[in-house]
Amino acid sequence: MKFPTKWPSLDKKPEEVLGACVRYEDENFYSKNHVYAVDKVKAKFPDYKLEKEQARGWLTTEGRIVGDEEAQAIDRLREQREGKATPLMRDPESTLFKAKNE
């Protein structure tokens, strides 16, 4: 009997937050915050219109766009696993953990 050289359950990494995301023209644009994500959209689509956005939120490594609360929960779990603040937590330009009026 031959044993597998890789164990699939050990290769799977937990879901992480990549950044703020705007879906436009069936394409995801993400960055540290939504302003930068919209800037990326405008670079590719100069005729950008807010009404044509398909989704806005936080992009995960599994390709999902989630809301603020779920993204914060995912990032806090990552912080607990790694024992240190995540890149989005440390980045002063990231808006994930900032109050909405900042």
C-alpha atoms as a PDB file:
ATOM      1  CA  MET A   1       0.000   0.000   0.000  1.00  0.00           C
ATOM      2  CA  LYS A   2       1.375   3.377  -0.989  1.00  0.00           C
ATOM      3  CA  PHE A   3       0.855   6.331   1.314  1.00  0.00           C
ATOM      4  CA  PRO A   4       0.186   9.777  -0.131  1.00  0.00           C
ATOM      5  CA  THR A   5       3.138  12.154  -0.175  1.00  0.00           C
ATOM      6  CA  LYS A   6       0.872  15.120   0.540  1.00  0.00           C
ATOM      7  CA  TRP A   7      -1.997  15.416   2.941  1.00  0.00           C
ATOM      8  CA  PRO A   8      -4.615  17.768   1.383  1.00  0.00           C
ATOM      9  CA  SER A   9      -6.023  18.884   4.716  1.00  0.00           C
ATOM     10  CA  LEU A  10      -2.581  20.093   5.823  1.00  0.00           C
ATOM     11  CA  ASP A  11      -1.975  22.049   2.593  1.00  0.00           C
ATOM     12  CA  LYS A  12      -5.122  24.152   2.900  1.00  0.00           C
ATOM     13  CA  LYS A  13      -4.419  27.563   4.381  1.00  0.00           C
ATOM     14  CA  PRO A  14      -7.120  29.365   6.350  1.00  0.00           C
ATOM     15  CA  GLU A  15      -8.970  32.143   4.566  1.00  0.00           C
ATOM     16  CA  GLU A  16      -7.309  35.574   4.770  1.00  0.00           C
ATOM     17  CA  VAL A  17      -8.320  39.104   3.786  1.00  0.00           C
ATOM     18  CA  LEU A  18      -6.385  40.474   0.794  1.00  0.00           C
ATOM     19  CA  GLY A  19      -7.719  44.019   0.874  1.00  0.00           C
ATOM     20  CA  ALA A  20     -10.542  46.420   0.091  1.00  0.00           C
ATOM     21  CA  CYS A  21     -12.289  45.394  -3.111  1.00  0.00           C
ATOM     22  CA  VAL A  22     -14.463  46.943  -5.790  1.00  0.00           C
ATOM     23  CA  ARG A  23     -15.996  44.666  -8.445  1.00  0.00           C
ATOM     24  CA  TYR A  24     -16.429  46.518 -11.725  1.00  0.00           C
ATOM     25  CA  GLU A  25     -17.112  45.056 -15.169  1.00  0.00           C
ATOM     26  CA  ASP A  26     -16.902  41.516 -13.690  1.00  0.00           C
ATOM     27  CA  GLU A  27     -13.356  42.142 -12.429  1.00  0.00           C
ATOM     28  CA  ASN A  28     -12.120  42.529  -8.847  1.00  0.00           C
ATOM     29  CA  PHE A  29      -9.868  45.477  -8.036  1.00  0.00           C
ATOM     30  CA  TYR A  30      -8.371  45.466  -4.550  1.00  0.00           C
ATOM     31  CA  SER A  31      -5.913  47.476  -2.493  1.00  0.00           C
ATOM     32  CA  LYS A  32      -5.300  48.724   1.076  1.00  0.00           C
ATOM     33  CA  ASN A  33      -8.497  50.757   1.093  1.00  0.00           C
ATOM     34  CA  HIS A  34     -11.457  51.459  -1.165  1.00  0.00           C
ATOM     35  CA  VAL A  35     -10.086  54.780  -2.444  1.00  0.00           C
ATOM     36  CA  TYR A  36      -7.024  53.007  -3.854  1.00  0.00           C
ATOM     37  CA  ALA A  37      -9.205  50.203  -5.244  1.00  0.00           C
ATOM     38  CA  VAL A  38     -11.361  52.760  -7.083  1.00  0.00           C
ATOM     39  CA  ASP A  39      -8.174  54.403  -8.383  1.00  0.00           C
ATOM     40  CA  LYS A  40      -7.222  51.052  -9.944  1.00  0.00           C
ATOM     41  CA  VAL A  41     -10.668  50.817 -11.536  1.00  0.00           C
ATOM     42  CA  LYS A  42     -10.342  54.349 -12.941  1.00  0.00           C
ATOM     43  CA  ALA A  43      -6.903  53.530 -14.369  1.00  0.00           C
ATOM     44  CA  LYS A  44      -8.405  50.699 -16.413  1.00  0.00           C
ATOM     45  CA  PHE A  45     -11.843  52.238 -17.005  1.00  0.00           C
ATOM     46  CA  PRO A  46     -11.542  56.046 -17.342  1.00  0.00           C
ATOM     47  CA  ASP A  47     -15.325  56.308 -17.785  1.00  0.00           C
ATOM     48  CA  TYR A  48     -15.911  54.818 -14.281  1.00  0.00           C
ATOM     49  CA  LYS A  49     -19.369  55.399 -12.819  1.00  0.00           C
ATOM     50  CA  LEU A  50     -20.264  54.537  -9.221  1.00  0.00           C
ATOM     51  CA  GLU A  51     -23.640  53.180 -10.346  1.00  0.00           C
ATOM     52  CA  LYS A  52     -21.911  50.476 -12.414  1.00  0.00           C
ATOM     53  CA  GLU A  53     -20.097  48.949  -9.420  1.00  0.00           C
ATOM     54  CA  GLN A  54     -21.216  45.367  -8.936  1.00  0.00           C
ATOM     55  CA  ALA A  55     -19.930  44.906  -5.376  1.00  0.00           C
ATOM     56  CA  ARG A  56     -17.841  46.607  -2.734  1.00  0.00           C
ATOM     57  CA  GLY A  57     -16.307  45.044   0.351  1.00  0.00           C
ATOM     58  CA  TRP A  58     -13.194  43.083   1.337  1.00  0.00           C
ATOM     59  CA  LEU A  59     -11.675  40.380  -0.904  1.00  0.00           C
ATOM     60  CA  THR A  60     -10.550  37.121   0.675  1.00  0.00           C
ATOM     61  CA  THR A  61      -8.055  34.535  -0.539  1.00  0.00           C
ATOM     62  CA  GLU A  62     -11.026  32.339  -1.476  1.00  0.00           C
ATOM     63  CA  GLY A  63     -12.298  34.985  -3.908  1.00  0.00           C
ATOM     64  CA  ARG A  64     -15.236  36.041  -1.752  1.00  0.00           C
ATOM     65  CA  ILE A  65     -16.204  39.667  -1.209  1.00  0.00           C
ATOM     66  CA  VAL A  66     -17.291  40.053   2.409  1.00  0.00           C
ATOM     67  CA  GLY A  67     -18.537  42.907   4.579  1.00  0.00           C
ATOM     68  CA  ASP A  68     -16.592  44.805   7.232  1.00  0.00           C
ATOM     69  CA  GLU A  69     -17.647  42.630  10.169  1.00  0.00           C
ATOM     70  CA  GLU A  70     -16.742  39.332   8.512  1.00  0.00           C
ATOM     71  CA  ALA A  71     -13.424  40.725   7.218  1.00  0.00           C
ATOM     72  CA  GLN A  72     -12.531  41.948  10.713  1.00  0.00           C
ATOM     73  CA  ALA A  73     -13.390  38.536  12.184  1.00  0.00           C
ATOM     74  CA  ILE A  74     -11.226  36.764   9.572  1.00  0.00           C
ATOM     75  CA  ASP A  75      -8.316  39.123  10.270  1.00  0.00           C
ATOM     76  CA  ARG A  76      -8.644  38.739  14.057  1.00  0.00           C
ATOM     77  CA  LEU A  77      -8.511  34.941  13.691  1.00  0.00           C
ATOM     78  CA  ARG A  78      -5.366  35.312  11.592  1.00  0.00           C
ATOM     79  CA  GLU A  79      -3.874  37.567  14.291  1.00  0.00           C
ATOM     80  CA  GLN A  80      -4.594  34.909  16.922  1.00  0.00           C
ATOM     81  CA  ARG A  81      -3.051  32.146  14.771  1.00  0.00           C
ATOM     82  CA  GLU A  82       0.119  34.090  13.966  1.00  0.00           C
ATOM     83  CA  GLY A  83       0.475  35.853  17.310  1.00  0.00           C
ATOM     84  CA  LYS A  84       0.960  39.280  15.714  1.00  0.00           C
ATOM     85  CA  ALA A  85      -1.034  41.986  13.991  1.00  0.00           C
ATOM     86  CA  THR A  86      -1.917  41.294  10.363  1.00  0.00           C
ATOM     87  CA  PRO A  87      -0.605  43.462   7.498  1.00  0.00           C
ATOM     88  CA  LEU A  88      -3.985  45.218   7.221  1.00  0.00           C
ATOM     89  CA  MET A  89      -3.952  45.932  10.966  1.00  0.00           C
ATOM     90  CA  ARG A  90      -0.446  47.420  10.809  1.00  0.00           C
ATOM     91  CA  ASP A  91      -0.955  49.471   7.648  1.00  0.00           C
ATOM     92  CA  PRO A  92      -1.938  53.066   8.530  1.00  0.00           C
ATOM     93  CA  GLU A  93      -3.660  53.476   5.147  1.00  0.00           C
ATOM     94  CA  SER A  94      -5.902  50.441   5.565  1.00  0.00           C
ATOM     95  CA  THR A  95      -9.453  51.275   6.613  1.00  0.00           C
ATOM     96  CA  LEU A  96     -10.538  47.817   7.797  1.00  0.00           C
ATOM     97  CA  PHE A  97     -10.214  48.615  11.506  1.00  0.00           C
ATOM     98  CA  LYS A  98     -10.864  52.373  11.392  1.00  0.00           C
ATOM     99  CA  ALA A  99     -14.094  54.059  12.379  1.00  0.00           C
ATOM    100  CA  LYS A 100     -16.152  54.957   9.324  1.00  0.00           C
ATOM    101  CA  ASN A 101     -15.907  58.717   9.955  1.00  0.00           C
ATOM    102  CA  GLU A 102     -12.087  58.799   9.978  1.00  0.00           C
END
